[in-house]
C-alpha atoms as a PDB file:
ATOM      1  CA  MET A   1      14.713 -12.352 -11.953  1.00  0.00           C
ATOM      2  CA  THR A   2      11.311 -13.088 -13.467  1.00  0.00           C
ATOM      3  CA  VAL A   3       8.625 -10.659 -12.259  1.00  0.00           C
ATOM      4  CA  LYS A   4       4.906 -11.194 -12.682  1.00  0.00           C
ATOM      5  CA  LEU A   5       1.713  -9.763 -11.218  1.00  0.00           C
ATOM      6  CA  GLU A   6      -1.453 -11.581 -10.246  1.00  0.00           C
ATOM      7  CA  GLU A   7      -4.682 -10.053  -8.992  1.00  0.00           C
ATOM      8  CA  CYS A   8      -5.604 -11.317  -5.522  1.00  0.00           C
ATOM      9  CA  SER A   9      -8.964 -12.823  -4.710  1.00  0.00           C
ATOM     10  CA  LEU A  10     -10.709 -14.017  -1.579  1.00  0.00           C
ATOM     11  CA  ALA A  11      -8.945 -17.359  -2.064  1.00  0.00           C
ATOM     12  CA  ASN A  12      -5.658 -15.534  -1.352  1.00  0.00           C
ATOM     13  CA  LEU A  13      -6.769 -14.103   2.011  1.00  0.00           C
ATOM     14  CA  LYS A  14      -4.399 -16.118   4.215  1.00  0.00           C
ATOM     15  CA  LYS A  15      -1.351 -15.415   2.030  1.00  0.00           C
ATOM     16  CA  LEU A  16      -2.284 -11.724   1.903  1.00  0.00           C
ATOM     17  CA  GLN A  17      -2.649 -11.664   5.686  1.00  0.00           C
ATOM     18  CA  GLU A  18       0.701 -13.400   6.192  1.00  0.00           C
ATOM     19  CA  ILE A  19       2.571 -10.964   3.920  1.00  0.00           C
ATOM     20  CA  SER A  20       0.783  -7.955   5.408  1.00  0.00           C
ATOM     21  CA  ILE A  21       1.761  -8.838   8.957  1.00  0.00           C
ATOM     22  CA  GLU A  22       5.313  -9.807   8.011  1.00  0.00           C
ATOM     23  CA  THR A  23       6.086  -6.661   6.016  1.00  0.00           C
ATOM     24  CA  PHE A  24       4.351  -4.212   8.341  1.00  0.00           C
ATOM     25  CA  ASN A  25       6.067  -5.726  11.368  1.00  0.00           C
ATOM     26  CA  ASP A  26       9.499  -5.760   9.683  1.00  0.00           C
ATOM     27  CA  THR A  27       9.124  -2.122   8.633  1.00  0.00           C
ATOM     28  CA  PHE A  28       7.654  -0.517  11.751  1.00  0.00           C
ATOM     29  CA  LYS A  29       8.277  -2.674  14.846  1.00  0.00           C
ATOM     30  CA  ASP A  30      11.461  -0.839  15.851  1.00  0.00           C
ATOM     31  CA  GLN A  31       9.738   2.572  15.893  1.00  0.00           C
ATOM     32  CA  ASN A  32       6.552   1.567  17.732  1.00  0.00           C
ATOM     33  CA  SER A  33       5.602  -0.049  21.021  1.00  0.00           C
ATOM     34  CA  PRO A  34       4.775  -3.772  20.990  1.00  0.00           C
ATOM     35  CA  ASP A  35       1.269  -3.013  22.309  1.00  0.00           C
ATOM     36  CA  ASN A  36       0.524  -0.501  19.551  1.00  0.00           C
ATOM     37  CA  MET A  37       1.914  -2.845  16.894  1.00  0.00           C
ATOM     38  CA  LYS A  38      -0.198  -5.727  18.183  1.00  0.00           C
ATOM     39  CA  ALA A  39      -3.355  -3.588  18.285  1.00  0.00           C
ATOM     40  CA  TYR A  40      -2.807  -2.294  14.767  1.00  0.00           C
ATOM     41  CA  LEU A  41      -1.939  -5.657  13.227  1.00  0.00           C
ATOM     42  CA  GLU A  42      -4.965  -7.336  14.810  1.00  0.00           C
ATOM     43  CA  ARG A  43      -7.311  -4.627  13.554  1.00  0.00           C
ATOM     44  CA  ALA A  44      -5.875  -3.942  10.095  1.00  0.00           C
ATOM     45  CA  PHE A  45      -5.167  -7.504   9.012  1.00  0.00           C
ATOM     46  CA  HIS A  46      -7.943  -9.445  10.728  1.00  0.00           C
ATOM     47  CA  ASP A  47      -9.676 -12.042   8.504  1.00  0.00           C
ATOM     48  CA  HIS A  48     -12.939 -10.081   8.445  1.00  0.00           C
ATOM     49  CA  GLN A  49     -11.202  -6.785   7.610  1.00  0.00           C
ATOM     50  CA  LEU A  50      -9.222  -8.275   4.723  1.00  0.00           C
ATOM     51  CA  GLU A  51     -12.321 -10.091   3.456  1.00  0.00           C
ATOM     52  CA  GLN A  52     -14.190  -6.763   3.294  1.00  0.00           C
ATOM     53  CA  GLU A  53     -11.281  -5.138   1.452  1.00  0.00           C
ATOM     54  CA  LEU A  54     -10.890  -8.026  -1.010  1.00  0.00           C
ATOM     55  CA  THR A  55     -14.599  -7.972  -1.904  1.00  0.00           C
ATOM     56  CA  ASN A  56     -14.859  -4.176  -2.285  1.00  0.00           C
ATOM     57  CA  VAL A  57     -15.440  -3.456  -5.997  1.00  0.00           C
ATOM     58  CA  ASP A  58     -13.539  -0.152  -5.669  1.00  0.00           C
ATOM     59  CA  SER A  59     -10.349  -1.821  -4.387  1.00  0.00           C
ATOM     60  CA  ALA A  60      -7.878  -4.179  -6.022  1.00  0.00           C
ATOM     61  CA  PHE A  61      -4.912  -6.172  -4.732  1.00  0.00           C
ATOM     62  CA  TYR A  62      -2.049  -7.474  -6.845  1.00  0.00           C
ATOM     63  CA  PHE A  63       0.591  -9.937  -5.709  1.00  0.00           C
ATOM     64  CA  ILE A  64       4.027  -9.383  -7.202  1.00  0.00           C
ATOM     65  CA  TYR A  65       6.145 -12.476  -7.770  1.00  0.00           C
ATOM     66  CA  ASP A  66       9.896 -12.737  -8.096  1.00  0.00           C
ATOM     67  CA  ASP A  67      10.888 -16.082  -9.599  1.00  0.00           C
ATOM     68  CA  GLU A  68       7.584 -17.732  -8.588  1.00  0.00           C
ATOM     69  CA  GLU A  69       7.736 -16.517  -4.956  1.00  0.00           C
ATOM     70  CA  VAL A  70       5.317 -13.883  -3.652  1.00  0.00           C
ATOM     71  CA  ALA A  71       7.529 -10.866  -2.973  1.00  0.00           C
ATOM     72  CA  GLY A  72       4.801  -8.472  -1.856  1.00  0.00           C
ATOM     73  CA  TYR A  73       1.666  -6.747  -3.025  1.00  0.00           C
ATOM     74  CA  LEU A  74      -0.070  -3.575  -4.109  1.00  0.00           C
ATOM     75  CA  LYS A  75      -3.488  -2.343  -2.938  1.00  0.00           C
ATOM     76  CA  VAL A  76      -5.250   0.429  -4.852  1.00  0.00           C
ATOM     77  CA  ASN A  77      -8.558   2.187  -4.198  1.00  0.00           C
ATOM     78  CA  VAL A  78     -10.871   4.339  -6.281  1.00  0.00           C
ATOM     79  CA  ASN A  79     -14.104   6.186  -5.563  1.00  0.00           C
ATOM     80  CA  GLU A  80     -15.541   5.587  -2.070  1.00  0.00           C
ATOM     81  CA  ALA A  81     -12.846   3.054  -1.118  1.00  0.00           C
ATOM     82  CA  GLN A  82     -10.221   5.818  -0.867  1.00  0.00           C
ATOM     83  CA  SER A  83      -9.188   6.484   2.734  1.00  0.00           C
ATOM     84  CA  GLU A  84      -9.397  10.258   2.114  1.00  0.00           C
ATOM     85  CA  GLN A  85     -11.795  12.203  -0.075  1.00  0.00           C
ATOM     86  CA  MET A  86      -9.424  13.049  -2.911  1.00  0.00           C
ATOM     87  CA  GLY A  87     -12.026  13.296  -5.650  1.00  0.00           C
ATOM     88  CA  ASP A  88     -13.344  11.152  -8.450  1.00  0.00           C
ATOM     89  CA  GLU A  89     -10.279  11.759 -10.600  1.00  0.00           C
ATOM     90  CA  SER A  90      -7.815  10.147  -8.153  1.00  0.00           C
ATOM     91  CA  LEU A  91      -6.622   6.645  -7.376  1.00  0.00           C
ATOM     92  CA  GLU A  92      -5.169   5.845  -3.966  1.00  0.00           C
ATOM     93  CA  VAL A  93      -2.166   3.594  -3.557  1.00  0.00           C
ATOM     94  CA  GLU A  94      -3.069   2.358  -0.083  1.00  0.00           C
ATOM     95  CA  ARG A  95      -0.337  -0.239   0.280  1.00  0.00           C
ATOM     96  CA  ILE A  96       2.900  -1.186  -1.406  1.00  0.00           C
ATOM     97  CA  TYR A  97       4.322  -3.955   0.736  1.00  0.00           C
ATOM     98  CA  ILE A  98       7.553  -5.622  -0.346  1.00  0.00           C
ATOM     99  CA  ARG A  99       8.968  -8.411   1.799  1.00  0.00           C
ATOM    100  CA  HIS A 100      12.370  -7.547   3.258  1.00  0.00           C
ATOM    101  CA  LYS A 101      14.402 -10.061   1.256  1.00  0.00           C
ATOM    102  CA  PHE A 102      13.023  -8.661  -2.019  1.00  0.00           C
ATOM    103  CA  GLN A 103      13.653  -4.977  -1.330  1.00  0.00           C
ATOM    104  CA  GLY A 104      16.101  -3.100  -3.535  1.00  0.00           C
ATOM    105  CA  LYS A 105      15.169  -5.069  -6.665  1.00  0.00           C
ATOM    106  CA  GLY A 106      12.951  -2.446  -8.307  1.00  0.00           C
ATOM    107  CA  LEU A 107       9.687  -4.144  -7.364  1.00  0.00           C
ATOM    108  CA  GLY A 108       8.253  -1.021  -5.718  1.00  0.00           C
ATOM    109  CA  LYS A 109       8.679   0.909  -8.963  1.00  0.00           C
ATOM    110  CA  TYR A 110       7.059  -1.979 -10.824  1.00  0.00           C
ATOM    111  CA  LEU A 111       4.045  -1.718  -8.484  1.00  0.00           C
ATOM    112  CA  ILE A 112       3.807   2.071  -8.879  1.00  0.00           C
ATOM    113  CA  ASN A 113       3.757   1.526 -12.640  1.00  0.00           C
ATOM    114  CA  LYS A 114       0.905  -0.959 -12.170  1.00  0.00           C
ATOM    115  CA  ALA A 115      -0.967   1.598 -10.055  1.00  0.00           C
ATOM    116  CA  MET A 116      -0.576   4.173 -12.837  1.00  0.00           C
ATOM    117  CA  GLU A 117      -1.828   1.628 -15.380  1.00  0.00           C
ATOM    118  CA  VAL A 118      -4.903   0.891 -13.222  1.00  0.00           C
ATOM    119  CA  ALA A 119      -5.511   4.634 -12.733  1.00  0.00           C
ATOM    120  CA  ILE A 120      -5.402   5.279 -16.478  1.00  0.00           C
ATOM    121  CA  ALA A 121      -7.770   2.353 -17.089  1.00  0.00           C
ATOM    122  CA  HIS A 122     -10.198   4.009 -14.631  1.00  0.00           C
ATOM    123  CA  ASN A 123      -9.777   7.424 -16.328  1.00  0.00           C
ATOM    124  CA  LYS A 124      -8.027   8.950 -13.293  1.00  0.00           C
ATOM    125  CA  ILE A 125      -5.684  11.901 -13.635  1.00  0.00           C
ATOM    126  CA  SER A 126      -3.644  11.424 -10.464  1.00  0.00           C
ATOM    127  CA  ILE A 127      -2.502   8.855  -7.945  1.00  0.00           C
ATOM    128  CA  TRP A 128      -1.828   9.558  -4.295  1.00  0.00           C
ATOM    129  CA  LEU A 129      -0.650   7.793  -1.166  1.00  0.00           C
ATOM    130  CA  GLY A 130       0.025   8.373   2.505  1.00  0.00           C
ATOM    131  CA  VAL A 131       3.514   7.716   3.874  1.00  0.00           C
ATOM    132  CA  TRP A 132       4.638   7.985   7.492  1.00  0.00           C
ATOM    133  CA  GLU A 133       6.522  11.237   8.013  1.00  0.00           C
ATOM    134  CA  LYS A 134       9.382   9.305   9.669  1.00  0.00           C
ATOM    135  CA  ASN A 135       9.809   6.858   6.776  1.00  0.00           C
ATOM    136  CA  ASP A 136      12.564   8.821   5.020  1.00  0.00           C
ATOM    137  CA  HIS A 137      13.483   5.931   2.721  1.00  0.00           C
ATOM    138  CA  ALA A 138       9.944   5.639   1.334  1.00  0.00           C
ATOM    139  CA  ILE A 139       9.527   9.417   1.047  1.00  0.00           C
ATOM    140  CA  GLY A 140      12.744   9.607  -0.987  1.00  0.00           C
ATOM    141  CA  PHE A 141      11.584   6.730  -3.188  1.00  0.00           C
ATOM    142  CA  TYR A 142       8.261   8.414  -3.959  1.00  0.00           C
ATOM    143  CA  LYS A 143       9.893  11.781  -4.634  1.00  0.00           C
ATOM    144  CA  LYS A 144      12.238  10.089  -7.106  1.00  0.00           C
ATOM    145  CA  LEU A 145       9.161   8.766  -8.925  1.00  0.00           C
ATOM    146  CA  GLY A 146       7.633  12.240  -9.239  1.00  0.00           C
ATOM    147  CA  PHE A 147       5.352  12.381  -6.195  1.00  0.00           C
ATOM    148  CA  VAL A 148       5.051  15.677  -4.334  1.00  0.00           C
ATOM    149  CA  GLN A 149       3.690  16.341  -0.870  1.00  0.00           C
ATOM    150  CA  THR A 150       0.192  17.820  -1.106  1.00  0.00           C
ATOM    151  CA  GLY A 151      -1.016  17.436   2.471  1.00  0.00           C
ATOM    152  CA  ALA A 152      -0.998  15.275   5.587  1.00  0.00           C
ATOM    153  CA  HIS A 153      -3.411  13.199   7.634  1.00  0.00           C
ATOM    154  CA  SER A 154      -3.493  11.358  10.949  1.00  0.00           C
ATOM    155  CA  PHE A 155      -2.744   7.651  11.132  1.00  0.00           C
ATOM    156  CA  TYR A 156      -3.371   5.699  14.328  1.00  0.00           C
ATOM    157  CA  MET A 157      -0.902   3.049  15.420  1.00  0.00           C
ATOM    158  CA  GLY A 158      -2.836   1.515  18.273  1.00  0.00           C
ATOM    159  CA  ASP A 159      -3.547   4.470  20.572  1.00  0.00           C
ATOM    160  CA  GLU A 160      -0.759   6.663  19.170  1.00  0.00           C
ATOM    161  CA  GLU A 161      -1.583   9.346  16.614  1.00  0.00           C
ATOM    162  CA  GLN A 162       1.065   9.592  13.909  1.00  0.00           C
ATOM    163  CA  MET A 163       1.290  11.780  10.816  1.00  0.00           C
ATOM    164  CA  ASP A 164       1.260  10.530   7.252  1.00  0.00           C
ATOM    165  CA  LEU A 165       2.342  12.813   4.436  1.00  0.00           C
ATOM    166  CA  ILE A 166      -0.024  12.769   1.480  1.00  0.00           C
ATOM    167  CA  MET A 167       1.984  12.571  -1.726  1.00  0.00           C
ATOM    168  CA  THR A 168       0.453  12.938  -5.178  1.00  0.00           C
ATOM    169  CA  LYS A 169       1.584  12.296  -8.727  1.00  0.00           C
ATOM    170  CA  THR A 170      -0.240  13.718 -11.728  1.00  0.00           C
ATOM    171  CA  LEU A 171      -0.516  11.310 -14.636  1.00  0.00           C
ATOM    172  CA  GLU A 172       0.410  12.379 -18.148  1.00  0.00           C
END
């Protein structure tokens, strides 16, 4: 397994959109109604939405490759791009999306390490993320990496309000 990272640009929009829809659908379709999934996917991963995110100077996307194939990606936010006001000393890990066939290979940990590297480069002292309260696998993964629950916030899947746990890790 050869792993490499590459920062995404506007030229990668279609690939980013494809992976976003694939991974989100694979992860959450069984726990949500088709209508709510459709509404969310159309809003969150629409061309215009992703274009705005890709051109935001306070956000960055990184594709992760496994043997030359895009296995997923990381999205991080600082400053005003954060989805919650967590302060100037924090970096948000907004998305870690790993395609199903690449899960269990340590790529998520690789992406968390990249997020920590980006945070340190931006002089941040903590990283945080939101994870669906029903996603026990992800919660366990983040706890294993030293994240602790520090709060919660609402997340809307279509017209359904769901709860995300806010988990934070202090950097050393």
